[in-house]
């Protein structure tokens, strides 16, 4: 992959072995398309998560990270945030959460589409 390292997709627990091979192919394709469009780096804070790690960090028990179709992209400033958001929408992502320091995006087809939310607290 041109813009990502395999390690960015791995569960941060460091023990379960989940990673790029467990990521949903459609979600990954959309992420790669968005990154190519954005023209700014995407640094992944979180991608695949095992249940144990998700629980440890206080993630939702229905987190889309558990099924490999969610990504948290580091973002600190307004200009890159705008470019990332535009690219995610152009890549046909329909679920976006915005926090002060990251953007959550997922392609969980089992959840409502056409939604955007704000995180009150950082995860």
PDB file of N, CA and C in Angstrom:
ATOM      1  N   UNK A   1       0.839  -1.184   0.000  1.00  0.00           N
ATOM      2  CA  UNK A   1       0.000   0.000   0.000  1.00  0.00           C
ATOM      3  C   UNK A   1       0.879   1.242   0.000  1.00  0.00           C
ATOM      4  N   UNK A   2       0.528   2.147  -0.840  1.00  0.00           N
ATOM      5  CA  UNK A   2       1.329   3.348  -1.033  1.00  0.00           C
ATOM      6  C   UNK A   2       1.356   4.273   0.186  1.00  0.00           C
ATOM      7  N   UNK A   3       0.220   4.451   0.844  1.00  0.00           N
ATOM      8  CA  UNK A   3       0.129   5.474   1.890  1.00  0.00           C
ATOM      9  C   UNK A   3       0.073   4.947   3.322  1.00  0.00           C
ATOM     10  N   UNK A   4       0.082   3.639   3.492  1.00  0.00           N
ATOM     11  CA  UNK A   4      -0.055   3.067   4.828  1.00  0.00           C
ATOM     12  C   UNK A   4       0.962   1.956   5.052  1.00  0.00           C
ATOM     13  N   UNK A   5       1.270   1.728   6.303  1.00  0.00           N
ATOM     14  CA  UNK A   5       2.089   0.598   6.716  1.00  0.00           C
ATOM     15  C   UNK A   5       1.150  -0.453   7.315  1.00  0.00           C
ATOM     16  N   UNK A   6       1.407  -1.710   7.064  1.00  0.00           N
ATOM     17  CA  UNK A   6       0.570  -2.798   7.607  1.00  0.00           C
ATOM     18  C   UNK A   6       0.335  -2.649   9.102  1.00  0.00           C
ATOM     19  N   UNK A   7       1.366  -2.219   9.810  1.00  0.00           N
ATOM     20  CA  UNK A   7       1.298  -2.131  11.267  1.00  0.00           C
ATOM     21  C   UNK A   7       0.218  -1.158  11.739  1.00  0.00           C
ATOM     22  N   UNK A   8      -0.138  -0.171  10.925  1.00  0.00           N
ATOM     23  CA  UNK A   8      -1.164   0.795  11.331  1.00  0.00           C
ATOM     24  C   UNK A   8      -2.534   0.150  11.506  1.00  0.00           C
ATOM     25  N   UNK A   9      -2.753  -0.997  10.874  1.00  0.00           N
ATOM     26  CA  UNK A   9      -4.051  -1.666  10.921  1.00  0.00           C
ATOM     27  C   UNK A   9      -4.142  -2.682  12.062  1.00  0.00           C
ATOM     28  N   UNK A  10      -3.030  -2.966  12.721  1.00  0.00           N
ATOM     29  CA  UNK A  10      -2.987  -3.987  13.766  1.00  0.00           C
ATOM     30  C   UNK A  10      -3.669  -3.522  15.047  1.00  0.00           C
ATOM     31  N   UNK A  11      -4.286  -4.467  15.736  1.00  0.00           N
ATOM     32  CA  UNK A  11      -4.839  -4.195  17.055  1.00  0.00           C
ATOM     33  C   UNK A  11      -3.695  -3.743  17.965  1.00  0.00           C
ATOM     34  N   UNK A  12      -3.949  -2.711  18.738  1.00  0.00           N
ATOM     35  CA  UNK A  12      -2.911  -2.119  19.588  1.00  0.00           C
ATOM     36  C   UNK A  12      -2.593  -2.946  20.837  1.00  0.00           C
ATOM     37  N   UNK A  13      -3.322  -4.049  21.058  1.00  0.00           N
ATOM     38  CA  UNK A  13      -3.017  -4.891  22.219  1.00  0.00           C
ATOM     39  C   UNK A  13      -1.660  -5.555  22.057  1.00  0.00           C
ATOM     40  N   UNK A  14      -1.265  -5.801  20.806  1.00  0.00           N
ATOM     41  CA  UNK A  14       0.034  -6.418  20.539  1.00  0.00           C
ATOM     42  C   UNK A  14       0.085  -7.914  20.787  1.00  0.00           C
ATOM     43  N   UNK A  15      -1.054  -8.528  21.095  1.00  0.00           N
ATOM     44  CA  UNK A  15      -1.050  -9.949  21.450  1.00  0.00           C
ATOM     45  C   UNK A  15      -1.973 -10.806  20.586  1.00  0.00           C
ATOM     46  N   UNK A  16      -3.065 -10.228  20.118  1.00  0.00           N
ATOM     47  CA  UNK A  16      -4.105 -11.037  19.471  1.00  0.00           C
ATOM     48  C   UNK A  16      -3.779 -11.437  18.035  1.00  0.00           C
ATOM     49  N   UNK A  17      -2.934 -10.679  17.367  1.00  0.00           N
ATOM     50  CA  UNK A  17      -2.584 -10.989  15.990  1.00  0.00           C
ATOM     51  C   UNK A  17      -3.538 -10.439  14.945  1.00  0.00           C
ATOM     52  N   UNK A  18      -4.585  -9.732  15.364  1.00  0.00           N
ATOM     53  CA  UNK A  18      -5.515  -9.145  14.391  1.00  0.00           C
ATOM     54  C   UNK A  18      -4.862  -7.960  13.689  1.00  0.00           C
ATOM     55  N   UNK A  19      -5.140  -7.821  12.401  1.00  0.00           N
ATOM     56  CA  UNK A  19      -4.534  -6.726  11.663  1.00  0.00           C
ATOM     57  C   UNK A  19      -5.098  -6.575  10.274  1.00  0.00           C
ATOM     58  N   UNK A  20      -4.259  -6.177   9.357  1.00  0.00           N
ATOM     59  CA  UNK A  20      -4.688  -5.855   7.996  1.00  0.00           C
ATOM     60  C   UNK A  20      -5.487  -6.974   7.341  1.00  0.00           C
ATOM     61  N   UNK A  21      -5.106  -8.213   7.545  1.00  0.00           N
ATOM     62  CA  UNK A  21      -5.818  -9.329   6.928  1.00  0.00           C
ATOM     63  C   UNK A  21      -7.250  -9.478   7.447  1.00  0.00           C
ATOM     64  N   UNK A  22      -7.558  -8.835   8.567  1.00  0.00           N
ATOM     65  CA  UNK A  22      -8.893  -8.920   9.164  1.00  0.00           C
ATOM     66  C   UNK A  22      -9.758  -7.705   8.845  1.00  0.00           C
ATOM     67  N   UNK A  23      -9.185  -6.727   8.166  1.00  0.00           N
ATOM     68  CA  UNK A  23      -9.921  -5.513   7.809  1.00  0.00           C
ATOM     69  C   UNK A  23     -10.904  -5.819   6.684  1.00  0.00           C
ATOM     70  N   UNK A  24     -12.097  -5.258   6.786  1.00  0.00           N
ATOM     71  CA  UNK A  24     -13.116  -5.409   5.760  1.00  0.00           C
ATOM     72  C   UNK A  24     -12.598  -4.833   4.440  1.00  0.00           C
ATOM     73  N   UNK A  25     -12.670  -5.612   3.377  1.00  0.00           N
ATOM     74  CA  UNK A  25     -12.108  -5.217   2.083  1.00  0.00           C
ATOM     75  C   UNK A  25     -12.783  -3.977   1.500  1.00  0.00           C
ATOM     76  N   UNK A  26     -14.091  -3.856   1.668  1.00  0.00           N
ATOM     77  CA  UNK A  26     -14.789  -2.689   1.118  1.00  0.00           C
ATOM     78  C   UNK A  26     -14.391  -1.428   1.879  1.00  0.00           C
ATOM     79  N   UNK A  27     -14.343  -1.519   3.197  1.00  0.00           N
ATOM     80  CA  UNK A  27     -13.938  -0.370   4.013  1.00  0.00           C
ATOM     81  C   UNK A  27     -12.507   0.035   3.686  1.00  0.00           C
ATOM     82  N   UNK A  28     -11.626  -0.941   3.522  1.00  0.00           N
ATOM     83  CA  UNK A  28     -10.234  -0.642   3.180  1.00  0.00           C
ATOM     84  C   UNK A  28     -10.155   0.050   1.826  1.00  0.00           C
ATOM     85  N   UNK A  29     -10.905  -0.433   0.857  1.00  0.00           N
ATOM     86  CA  UNK A  29     -10.907   0.202  -0.454  1.00  0.00           C
ATOM     87  C   UNK A  29     -11.340   1.653  -0.392  1.00  0.00           C
ATOM     88  N   UNK A  30     -12.354   1.932   0.417  1.00  0.00           N
ATOM     89  CA  UNK A  30     -12.825   3.307   0.580  1.00  0.00           C
ATOM     90  C   UNK A  30     -11.764   4.165   1.260  1.00  0.00           C
ATOM     91  N   UNK A  31     -11.095   3.599   2.270  1.00  0.00           N
ATOM     92  CA  UNK A  31     -10.047   4.346   2.962  1.00  0.00           C
ATOM     93  C   UNK A  31      -8.909   4.685   2.004  1.00  0.00           C
ATOM     94  N   UNK A  32      -8.483   3.720   1.207  1.00  0.00           N
ATOM     95  CA  UNK A  32      -7.400   3.961   0.245  1.00  0.00           C
ATOM     96  C   UNK A  32      -7.810   5.020  -0.777  1.00  0.00           C
ATOM     97  N   UNK A  33      -9.051   4.969  -1.226  1.00  0.00           N
ATOM     98  CA  UNK A  33      -9.552   5.961  -2.164  1.00  0.00           C
ATOM     99  C   UNK A  33      -9.569   7.351  -1.527  1.00  0.00           C
ATOM    100  N   UNK A  34     -10.037   7.430  -0.287  1.00  0.00           N
ATOM    101  CA  UNK A  34     -10.086   8.718   0.414  1.00  0.00           C
ATOM    102  C   UNK A  34      -8.689   9.295   0.584  1.00  0.00           C
ATOM    103  N   UNK A  35      -7.748   8.451   0.967  1.00  0.00           N
ATOM    104  CA  UNK A  35      -6.376   8.950   1.157  1.00  0.00           C
ATOM    105  C   UNK A  35      -5.802   9.479  -0.148  1.00  0.00           C
ATOM    106  N   UNK A  36      -6.041   8.793  -1.245  1.00  0.00           N
ATOM    107  CA  UNK A  36      -5.537   9.242  -2.541  1.00  0.00           C
ATOM    108  C   UNK A  36      -6.154  10.587  -2.932  1.00  0.00           C
ATOM    109  N   UNK A  37      -7.403  10.811  -2.575  1.00  0.00           N
ATOM    110  CA  UNK A  37      -8.103  12.053  -2.908  1.00  0.00           C
ATOM    111  C   UNK A  37      -7.674  13.224  -2.019  1.00  0.00           C
ATOM    112  N   UNK A  38      -7.411  12.942  -0.751  1.00  0.00           N
ATOM    113  CA  UNK A  38      -7.218  14.000   0.237  1.00  0.00           C
ATOM    114  C   UNK A  38      -5.957  14.824   0.004  1.00  0.00           C
ATOM    115  N   UNK A  39      -4.889  14.171  -0.419  1.00  0.00           N
ATOM    116  CA  UNK A  39      -3.638  14.894  -0.612  1.00  0.00           C
ATOM    117  C   UNK A  39      -2.941  15.270   0.680  1.00  0.00           C
ATOM    118  N   UNK A  40      -3.401  14.718   1.796  1.00  0.00           N
ATOM    119  CA  UNK A  40      -2.745  14.915   3.091  1.00  0.00           C
ATOM    120  C   UNK A  40      -2.580  13.545   3.738  1.00  0.00           C
ATOM    121  N   UNK A  41      -1.582  13.387   4.599  1.00  0.00           N
ATOM    122  CA  UNK A  41      -1.380  12.081   5.243  1.00  0.00           C
ATOM    123  C   UNK A  41      -2.554  11.669   6.118  1.00  0.00           C
ATOM    124  N   UNK A  42      -2.811  10.380   6.152  1.00  0.00           N
ATOM    125  CA  UNK A  42      -3.750   9.778   7.096  1.00  0.00           C
ATOM    126  C   UNK A  42      -2.905   8.950   8.049  1.00  0.00           C
ATOM    127  N   UNK A  43      -2.871   9.323   9.308  1.00  0.00           N
ATOM    128  CA  UNK A  43      -2.187   8.536  10.333  1.00  0.00           C
ATOM    129  C   UNK A  43      -3.273   7.835  11.134  1.00  0.00           C
ATOM    130  N   UNK A  44      -3.251   6.509  11.131  1.00  0.00           N
ATOM    131  CA  UNK A  44      -4.287   5.753  11.827  1.00  0.00           C
ATOM    132  C   UNK A  44      -3.937   5.582  13.300  1.00  0.00           C
ATOM    133  N   UNK A  45      -4.809   6.091  14.162  1.00  0.00           N
ATOM    134  CA  UNK A  45      -4.671   5.868  15.607  1.00  0.00           C
ATOM    135  C   UNK A  45      -5.186   4.491  15.981  1.00  0.00           C
ATOM    136  N   UNK A  46      -6.214   4.040  15.256  1.00  0.00           N
ATOM    137  CA  UNK A  46      -6.854   2.778  15.571  1.00  0.00           C
ATOM    138  C   UNK A  46      -7.531   2.243  14.322  1.00  0.00           C
ATOM    139  N   UNK A  47      -7.446   0.937  14.157  1.00  0.00           N
ATOM    140  CA  UNK A  47      -8.159   0.264  13.065  1.00  0.00           C
ATOM    141  C   UNK A  47      -8.772  -1.003  13.663  1.00  0.00           C
ATOM    142  N   UNK A  48      -8.190  -2.147  13.412  1.00  0.00           N
ATOM    143  CA  UNK A  48      -8.715  -3.412  13.936  1.00  0.00           C
ATOM    144  C   UNK A  48      -8.535  -3.462  15.457  1.00  0.00           C
ATOM    145  N   UNK A  49      -9.539  -3.967  16.162  1.00  0.00           N
ATOM    146  CA  UNK A  49      -9.436  -4.152  17.615  1.00  0.00           C
ATOM    147  C   UNK A  49     -10.005  -5.514  17.994  1.00  0.00           C
ATOM    148  N   UNK A  50      -9.338  -6.151  18.944  1.00  0.00           N
ATOM    149  CA  UNK A  50      -9.913  -7.352  19.541  1.00  0.00           C
ATOM    150  C   UNK A  50     -10.860  -6.908  20.657  1.00  0.00           C
ATOM    151  N   UNK A  51     -11.727  -7.801  21.083  1.00  0.00           N
ATOM    152  CA  UNK A  51     -12.694  -7.454  22.130  1.00  0.00           C
ATOM    153  C   UNK A  51     -12.007  -7.022  23.418  1.00  0.00           C
ATOM    154  N   UNK A  52     -10.937  -7.701  23.759  1.00  0.00           N
ATOM    155  CA  UNK A  52     -10.232  -7.394  25.014  1.00  0.00           C
ATOM    156  C   UNK A  52      -9.653  -5.969  24.984  1.00  0.00           C
ATOM    157  N   UNK A  53      -8.985  -5.620  23.900  1.00  0.00           N
ATOM    158  CA  UNK A  53      -8.401  -4.279  23.796  1.00  0.00           C
ATOM    159  C   UNK A  53      -9.496  -3.216  23.723  1.00  0.00           C
ATOM    160  N   UNK A  54     -10.548  -3.490  22.967  1.00  0.00           N
ATOM    161  CA  UNK A  54     -11.654  -2.547  22.850  1.00  0.00           C
ATOM    162  C   UNK A  54     -12.253  -2.247  24.226  1.00  0.00           C
ATOM    163  N   UNK A  55     -12.437  -3.278  25.021  1.00  0.00           N
ATOM    164  CA  UNK A  55     -12.977  -3.102  26.375  1.00  0.00           C
ATOM    165  C   UNK A  55     -12.012  -2.306  27.247  1.00  0.00           C
ATOM    166  N   UNK A  56     -10.721  -2.612  27.127  1.00  0.00           N
ATOM    167  CA  UNK A  56      -9.695  -1.939  27.938  1.00  0.00           C
ATOM    168  C   UNK A  56      -9.670  -0.427  27.695  1.00  0.00           C
ATOM    169  N   UNK A  57      -9.893  -0.015  26.444  1.00  0.00           N
ATOM    170  CA  UNK A  57      -9.839   1.413  26.146  1.00  0.00           C
ATOM    171  C   UNK A  57     -11.197   2.102  26.255  1.00  0.00           C
ATOM    172  N   UNK A  58     -12.214   1.343  26.662  1.00  0.00           N
ATOM    173  CA  UNK A  58     -13.537   1.923  26.853  1.00  0.00           C
ATOM    174  C   UNK A  58     -14.352   2.050  25.580  1.00  0.00           C
ATOM    175  N   UNK A  59     -14.003   1.256  24.567  1.00  0.00           N
ATOM    176  CA  UNK A  59     -14.770   1.269  23.322  1.00  0.00           C
ATOM    177  C   UNK A  59     -16.137   0.634  23.510  1.00  0.00           C
ATOM    178  N   UNK A  60     -17.045   1.008  22.662  1.00  0.00           N
ATOM    179  CA  UNK A  60     -18.398   0.452  22.698  1.00  0.00           C
ATOM    180  C   UNK A  60     -18.368  -1.043  22.401  1.00  0.00           C
ATOM    181  N   UNK A  61     -19.250  -1.801  23.039  1.00  0.00           N
ATOM    182  CA  UNK A  61     -19.304  -3.243  22.769  1.00  0.00           C
ATOM    183  C   UNK A  61     -19.834  -3.524  21.359  1.00  0.00           C
ATOM    184  N   UNK A  62     -20.369  -2.488  20.704  1.00  0.00           N
ATOM    185  CA  UNK A  62     -20.805  -2.631  19.309  1.00  0.00           C
ATOM    186  C   UNK A  62     -19.867  -1.886  18.351  1.00  0.00           C
ATOM    187  N   UNK A  63     -18.658  -1.602  18.805  1.00  0.00           N
ATOM    188  CA  UNK A  63     -17.696  -0.847  18.003  1.00  0.00           C
ATOM    189  C   UNK A  63     -17.465  -1.487  16.638  1.00  0.00           C
ATOM    190  N   UNK A  64     -17.454  -0.659  15.629  1.00  0.00           N
ATOM    191  CA  UNK A  64     -17.181  -1.130  14.273  1.00  0.00           C
ATOM    192  C   UNK A  64     -15.715  -1.501  14.082  1.00  0.00           C
ATOM    193  N   UNK A  65     -14.866  -1.135  15.030  1.00  0.00           N
ATOM    194  CA  UNK A  65     -13.460  -1.567  14.992  1.00  0.00           C
ATOM    195  C   UNK A  65     -13.362  -3.083  15.194  1.00  0.00           C
ATOM    196  N   UNK A  66     -14.325  -3.655  15.895  1.00  0.00           N
ATOM    197  CA  UNK A  66     -14.300  -5.091  16.184  1.00  0.00           C
ATOM    198  C   UNK A  66     -14.485  -5.948  14.939  1.00  0.00           C
ATOM    199  N   UNK A  67     -15.186  -5.415  13.944  1.00  0.00           N
ATOM    200  CA  UNK A  67     -15.381  -6.191  12.721  1.00  0.00           C
ATOM    201  C   UNK A  67     -14.554  -5.664  11.551  1.00  0.00           C
ATOM    202  N   UNK A  68     -13.581  -4.812  11.856  1.00  0.00           N
ATOM    203  CA  UNK A  68     -12.613  -4.393  10.846  1.00  0.00           C
ATOM    204  C   UNK A  68     -13.108  -3.414   9.816  1.00  0.00           C
ATOM    205  N   UNK A  69     -14.129  -2.640  10.157  1.00  0.00           N
ATOM    206  CA  UNK A  69     -14.612  -1.684   9.160  1.00  0.00           C
ATOM    207  C   UNK A  69     -14.582  -0.243   9.670  1.00  0.00           C
ATOM    208  N   UNK A  70     -13.711   0.033  10.672  1.00  0.00           N
ATOM    209  CA  UNK A  70     -13.608   1.381  11.226  1.00  0.00           C
ATOM    210  C   UNK A  70     -12.153   1.804  11.353  1.00  0.00           C
ATOM    211  N   UNK A  71     -11.945   3.111  11.211  1.00  0.00           N
ATOM    212  CA  UNK A  71     -10.605   3.685  11.303  1.00  0.00           C
ATOM    213  C   UNK A  71     -10.692   5.004  12.054  1.00  0.00           C
ATOM    214  N   UNK A  72      -9.741   5.239  12.933  1.00  0.00           N
ATOM    215  CA  UNK A  72      -9.604   6.534  13.583  1.00  0.00           C
ATOM    216  C   UNK A  72      -8.371   7.199  12.995  1.00  0.00           C
ATOM    217  N   UNK A  73      -8.571   8.347  12.367  1.00  0.00           N
ATOM    218  CA  UNK A  73      -7.512   9.058  11.667  1.00  0.00           C
ATOM    219  C   UNK A  73      -7.106  10.263  12.505  1.00  0.00           C
ATOM    220  N   UNK A  74      -5.824  10.347  12.851  1.00  0.00           N
ATOM    221  CA  UNK A  74      -5.330  11.472  13.642  1.00  0.00           C
ATOM    222  C   UNK A  74      -5.533  12.765  12.867  1.00  0.00           C
ATOM    223  N   UNK A  75      -5.985  13.791  13.579  1.00  0.00           N
ATOM    224  CA  UNK A  75      -6.228  15.079  12.931  1.00  0.00           C
ATOM    225  C   UNK A  75      -6.258  16.160  13.993  1.00  0.00           C
ATOM    226  N   UNK A  76      -5.359  17.138  13.874  1.00  0.00           N
ATOM    227  CA  UNK A  76      -5.249  18.179  14.890  1.00  0.00           C
ATOM    228  C   UNK A  76      -5.683  19.561  14.404  1.00  0.00           C
ATOM    229  N   UNK A  77      -5.664  19.777  13.093  1.00  0.00           N
ATOM    230  CA  UNK A  77      -5.863  21.125  12.557  1.00  0.00           C
ATOM    231  C   UNK A  77      -7.024  21.196  11.572  1.00  0.00           C
ATOM    232  N   UNK A  78      -7.564  22.397  11.393  1.00  0.00           N
ATOM    233  CA  UNK A  78      -8.774  22.577  10.593  1.00  0.00           C
ATOM    234  C   UNK A  78      -8.583  22.331   9.094  1.00  0.00           C
ATOM    235  N   UNK A  79      -7.469  22.728   8.515  1.00  0.00           N
ATOM    236  CA  UNK A  79      -7.289  22.545   7.071  1.00  0.00           C
ATOM    237  C   UNK A  79      -7.186  21.065   6.716  1.00  0.00           C
ATOM    238  N   UNK A  80      -6.304  20.281   7.383  1.00  0.00           N
ATOM    239  CA  UNK A  80      -6.291  18.848   7.076  1.00  0.00           C
ATOM    240  C   UNK A  80      -7.628  18.176   7.410  1.00  0.00           C
ATOM    241  N   UNK A  81      -8.283  18.601   8.478  1.00  0.00           N
ATOM    242  CA  UNK A  81      -9.585  18.028   8.847  1.00  0.00           C
ATOM    243  C   UNK A  81     -10.590  18.220   7.706  1.00  0.00           C
ATOM    244  N   UNK A  82     -10.619  19.405   7.138  1.00  0.00           N
ATOM    245  CA  UNK A  82     -11.520  19.695   6.033  1.00  0.00           C
ATOM    246  C   UNK A  82     -11.207  18.810   4.827  1.00  0.00           C
ATOM    247  N   UNK A  83      -9.936  18.666   4.499  1.00  0.00           N
ATOM    248  CA  UNK A  83      -9.525  17.836   3.359  1.00  0.00           C
ATOM    249  C   UNK A  83      -9.848  16.364   3.597  1.00  0.00           C
ATOM    250  N   UNK A  84      -9.603  15.899   4.811  1.00  0.00           N
ATOM    251  CA  UNK A  84      -9.887  14.499   5.147  1.00  0.00           C
ATOM    252  C   UNK A  84     -11.388  14.239   5.078  1.00  0.00           C
ATOM    253  N   UNK A  85     -12.180  15.117   5.678  1.00  0.00           N
ATOM    254  CA  UNK A  85     -13.633  14.944   5.657  1.00  0.00           C
ATOM    255  C   UNK A  85     -14.178  14.936   4.227  1.00  0.00           C
ATOM    256  N   UNK A  86     -13.718  15.855   3.412  1.00  0.00           N
ATOM    257  CA  UNK A  86     -14.169  15.902   2.021  1.00  0.00           C
ATOM    258  C   UNK A  86     -13.826  14.628   1.276  1.00  0.00           C
ATOM    259  N   UNK A  87     -12.621  14.121   1.502  1.00  0.00           N
ATOM    260  CA  UNK A  87     -12.186  12.899   0.825  1.00  0.00           C
ATOM    261  C   UNK A  87     -12.969  11.683   1.320  1.00  0.00           C
ATOM    262  N   UNK A  88     -13.259  11.629   2.613  1.00  0.00           N
ATOM    263  CA  UNK A  88     -14.036  10.508   3.158  1.00  0.00           C
ATOM    264  C   UNK A  88     -15.442  10.488   2.562  1.00  0.00           C
ATOM    265  N   UNK A  89     -16.051  11.641   2.454  1.00  0.00           N
ATOM    266  CA  UNK A  89     -17.381  11.720   1.866  1.00  0.00           C
ATOM    267  C   UNK A  89     -17.346  11.362   0.373  1.00  0.00           C
ATOM    268  N   UNK A  90     -16.330  11.836  -0.328  1.00  0.00           N
ATOM    269  CA  UNK A  90     -16.195  11.532  -1.752  1.00  0.00           C
ATOM    270  C   UNK A  90     -15.953  10.038  -1.985  1.00  0.00           C
ATOM    271  N   UNK A  91     -15.329   9.368  -1.003  1.00  0.00           N
ATOM    272  CA  UNK A  91     -15.072   7.929  -1.102  1.00  0.00           C
ATOM    273  C   UNK A  91     -16.290   7.106  -0.686  1.00  0.00           C
ATOM    274  N   UNK A  92     -17.389   7.771  -0.376  1.00  0.00           N
ATOM    275  CA  UNK A  92     -18.670   7.150  -0.056  1.00  0.00           C
ATOM    276  C   UNK A  92     -18.770   6.583   1.358  1.00  0.00           C
ATOM    277  N   UNK A  93     -17.978   7.111   2.297  1.00  0.00           N
ATOM    278  CA  UNK A  93     -18.209   6.774   3.698  1.00  0.00           C
ATOM    279  C   UNK A  93     -19.453   7.515   4.147  1.00  0.00           C
ATOM    280  N   UNK A  94     -20.284   6.852   4.928  1.00  0.00           N
ATOM    281  CA  UNK A  94     -21.545   7.442   5.363  1.00  0.00           C
ATOM    282  C   UNK A  94     -21.704   7.459   6.881  1.00  0.00           C
ATOM    283  N   UNK A  95     -20.601   7.215   7.609  1.00  0.00           N
ATOM    284  CA  UNK A  95     -20.621   7.237   9.073  1.00  0.00           C
ATOM    285  C   UNK A  95     -19.320   7.891   9.534  1.00  0.00           C
ATOM    286  N   UNK A  96     -19.423   9.079  10.129  1.00  0.00           N
ATOM    287  CA  UNK A  96     -18.236   9.836  10.515  1.00  0.00           C
ATOM    288  C   UNK A  96     -18.433  10.448  11.893  1.00  0.00           C
ATOM    289  N   UNK A  97     -17.447  10.258  12.748  1.00  0.00           N
ATOM    290  CA  UNK A  97     -17.427  10.881  14.065  1.00  0.00           C
ATOM    291  C   UNK A  97     -16.240  11.831  14.139  1.00  0.00           C
ATOM    292  N   UNK A  98     -16.458  12.998  14.707  1.00  0.00           N
ATOM    293  CA  UNK A  98     -15.402  14.009  14.759  1.00  0.00           C
ATOM    294  C   UNK A  98     -15.049  14.309  16.211  1.00  0.00           C
ATOM    295  N   UNK A  99     -13.761  14.236  16.492  1.00  0.00           N
ATOM    296  CA  UNK A  99     -13.229  14.580  17.812  1.00  0.00           C
ATOM    297  C   UNK A  99     -12.180  15.671  17.631  1.00  0.00           C
ATOM    298  N   UNK A 100     -11.704  16.200  18.716  1.00  0.00           N
ATOM    299  CA  UNK A 100     -10.712  17.270  18.649  1.00  0.00           C
ATOM    300  C   UNK A 100      -9.414  16.798  17.983  1.00  0.00           C
ATOM    301  N   UNK A 101      -9.027  15.546  18.218  1.00  0.00           N
ATOM    302  CA  UNK A 101      -7.726  15.074  17.730  1.00  0.00           C
ATOM    303  C   UNK A 101      -7.799  13.931  16.730  1.00  0.00           C
ATOM    304  N   UNK A 102      -9.009  13.520  16.351  1.00  0.00           N
ATOM    305  CA  UNK A 102      -9.126  12.446  15.367  1.00  0.00           C
ATOM    306  C   UNK A 102     -10.485  12.485  14.682  1.00  0.00           C
ATOM    307  N   UNK A 103     -10.553  11.786  13.562  1.00  0.00           N
ATOM    308  CA  UNK A 103     -11.814  11.559  12.851  1.00  0.00           C
ATOM    309  C   UNK A 103     -12.034  10.060  12.808  1.00  0.00           C
ATOM    310  N   UNK A 104     -13.188   9.627  13.284  1.00  0.00           N
ATOM    311  CA  UNK A 104     -13.580   8.220  13.186  1.00  0.00           C
ATOM    312  C   UNK A 104     -14.398   8.079  11.913  1.00  0.00           C
ATOM    313  N   UNK A 105     -14.109   7.041  11.156  1.00  0.00           N
ATOM    314  CA  UNK A 105     -14.906   6.742   9.974  1.00  0.00           C
ATOM    315  C   UNK A 105     -15.130   5.240   9.931  1.00  0.00           C
ATOM    316  N   UNK A 106     -16.340   4.848   9.551  1.00  0.00           N
ATOM    317  CA  UNK A 106     -16.560   3.409   9.403  1.00  0.00           C
ATOM    318  C   UNK A 106     -17.524   3.133   8.264  1.00  0.00           C
ATOM    319  N   UNK A 107     -17.479   1.910   7.826  1.00  0.00           N
ATOM    320  CA  UNK A 107     -18.336   1.431   6.746  1.00  0.00           C
ATOM    321  C   UNK A 107     -19.118   0.225   7.251  1.00  0.00           C
ATOM    322  N   UNK A 108     -19.662   0.375   8.461  1.00  0.00           N
ATOM    323  CA  UNK A 108     -20.413  -0.711   9.081  1.00  0.00           C
ATOM    324  C   UNK A 108     -21.810  -0.744   8.472  1.00  0.00           C
ATOM    325  N   UNK A 109     -22.013  -1.693   7.578  1.00  0.00           N
ATOM    326  CA  UNK A 109     -23.267  -1.776   6.852  1.00  0.00           C
ATOM    327  C   UNK A 109     -24.425  -2.277   7.703  1.00  0.00           C
ATOM    328  N   UNK A 110     -24.142  -2.654   8.959  1.00  0.00           N
ATOM    329  CA  UNK A 110     -25.191  -3.078   9.872  1.00  0.00           C
ATOM    330  C   UNK A 110     -25.695  -1.955  10.758  1.00  0.00           C
ATOM    331  N   UNK A 111     -25.183  -0.751  10.552  1.00  0.00           N
ATOM    332  CA  UNK A 111     -25.580   0.405  11.358  1.00  0.00           C
ATOM    333  C   UNK A 111     -26.168   1.486  10.454  1.00  0.00           C
ATOM    334  N   UNK A 112     -26.900   2.450  11.038  1.00  0.00           N
ATOM    335  CA  UNK A 112     -27.498   3.508  10.225  1.00  0.00           C
ATOM    336  C   UNK A 112     -26.446   4.285   9.427  1.00  0.00           C
ATOM    337  N   UNK A 113     -26.798   4.630   8.191  1.00  0.00           N
ATOM    338  CA  UNK A 113     -25.917   5.402   7.311  1.00  0.00           C
ATOM    339  C   UNK A 113     -26.370   6.852   7.284  1.00  0.00           C
ATOM    340  N   UNK A 114     -25.507   7.709   6.747  1.00  0.00           N
ATOM    341  CA  UNK A 114     -25.841   9.122   6.643  1.00  0.00           C
ATOM    342  C   UNK A 114     -25.823   9.815   7.984  1.00  0.00           C
ATOM    343  N   UNK A 115     -24.839   9.445   8.820  1.00  0.00           N
ATOM    344  CA  UNK A 115     -24.757  10.020  10.168  1.00  0.00           C
ATOM    345  C   UNK A 115     -23.372  10.601  10.430  1.00  0.00           C
ATOM    346  N   UNK A 116     -23.359  11.656  11.207  1.00  0.00           N
ATOM    347  CA  UNK A 116     -22.119  12.261  11.688  1.00  0.00           C
ATOM    348  C   UNK A 116     -22.352  12.654  13.130  1.00  0.00           C
ATOM    349  N   UNK A 117     -21.331  12.486  13.954  1.00  0.00           N
ATOM    350  CA  UNK A 117     -21.471  12.818  15.369  1.00  0.00           C
ATOM    351  C   UNK A 117     -20.195  13.457  15.888  1.00  0.00           C
ATOM    352  N   UNK A 118     -20.327  14.076  17.037  1.00  0.00           N
ATOM    353  CA  UNK A 118     -19.203  14.721  17.721  1.00  0.00           C
ATOM    354  C   UNK A 118     -18.899  13.931  18.983  1.00  0.00           C
ATOM    355  N   UNK A 119     -17.621  13.681  19.225  1.00  0.00           N
ATOM    356  CA  UNK A 119     -17.193  13.039  20.463  1.00  0.00           C
ATOM    357  C   UNK A 119     -17.034  14.125  21.530  1.00  0.00           C
ATOM    358  N   UNK A 120     -17.731  13.951  22.637  1.00  0.00           N
ATOM    359  CA  UNK A 120     -17.617  14.899  23.748  1.00  0.00           C
ATOM    360  C   UNK A 120     -16.293  14.730  24.483  1.00  0.00           C
ATOM    361  N   UNK A 121     -15.816  13.487  24.544  1.00  0.00           N
ATOM    362  CA  UNK A 121     -14.549  13.172  25.218  1.00  0.00           C
ATOM    363  C   UNK A 121     -13.675  12.414  24.255  1.00  0.00           C
ATOM    364  N   UNK A 122     -12.371  12.595  24.409  1.00  0.00           N
ATOM    365  CA  UNK A 122     -11.418  11.845  23.601  1.00  0.00           C
ATOM    366  C   UNK A 122     -11.336  10.427  24.118  1.00  0.00           C
ATOM    367  N   UNK A 123     -11.211   9.464  23.227  1.00  0.00           N
ATOM    368  CA  UNK A 123     -11.050   8.057  23.606  1.00  0.00           C
ATOM    369  C   UNK A 123      -9.607   7.751  23.879  1.00  0.00           C
TER     370      UNK A 123
END
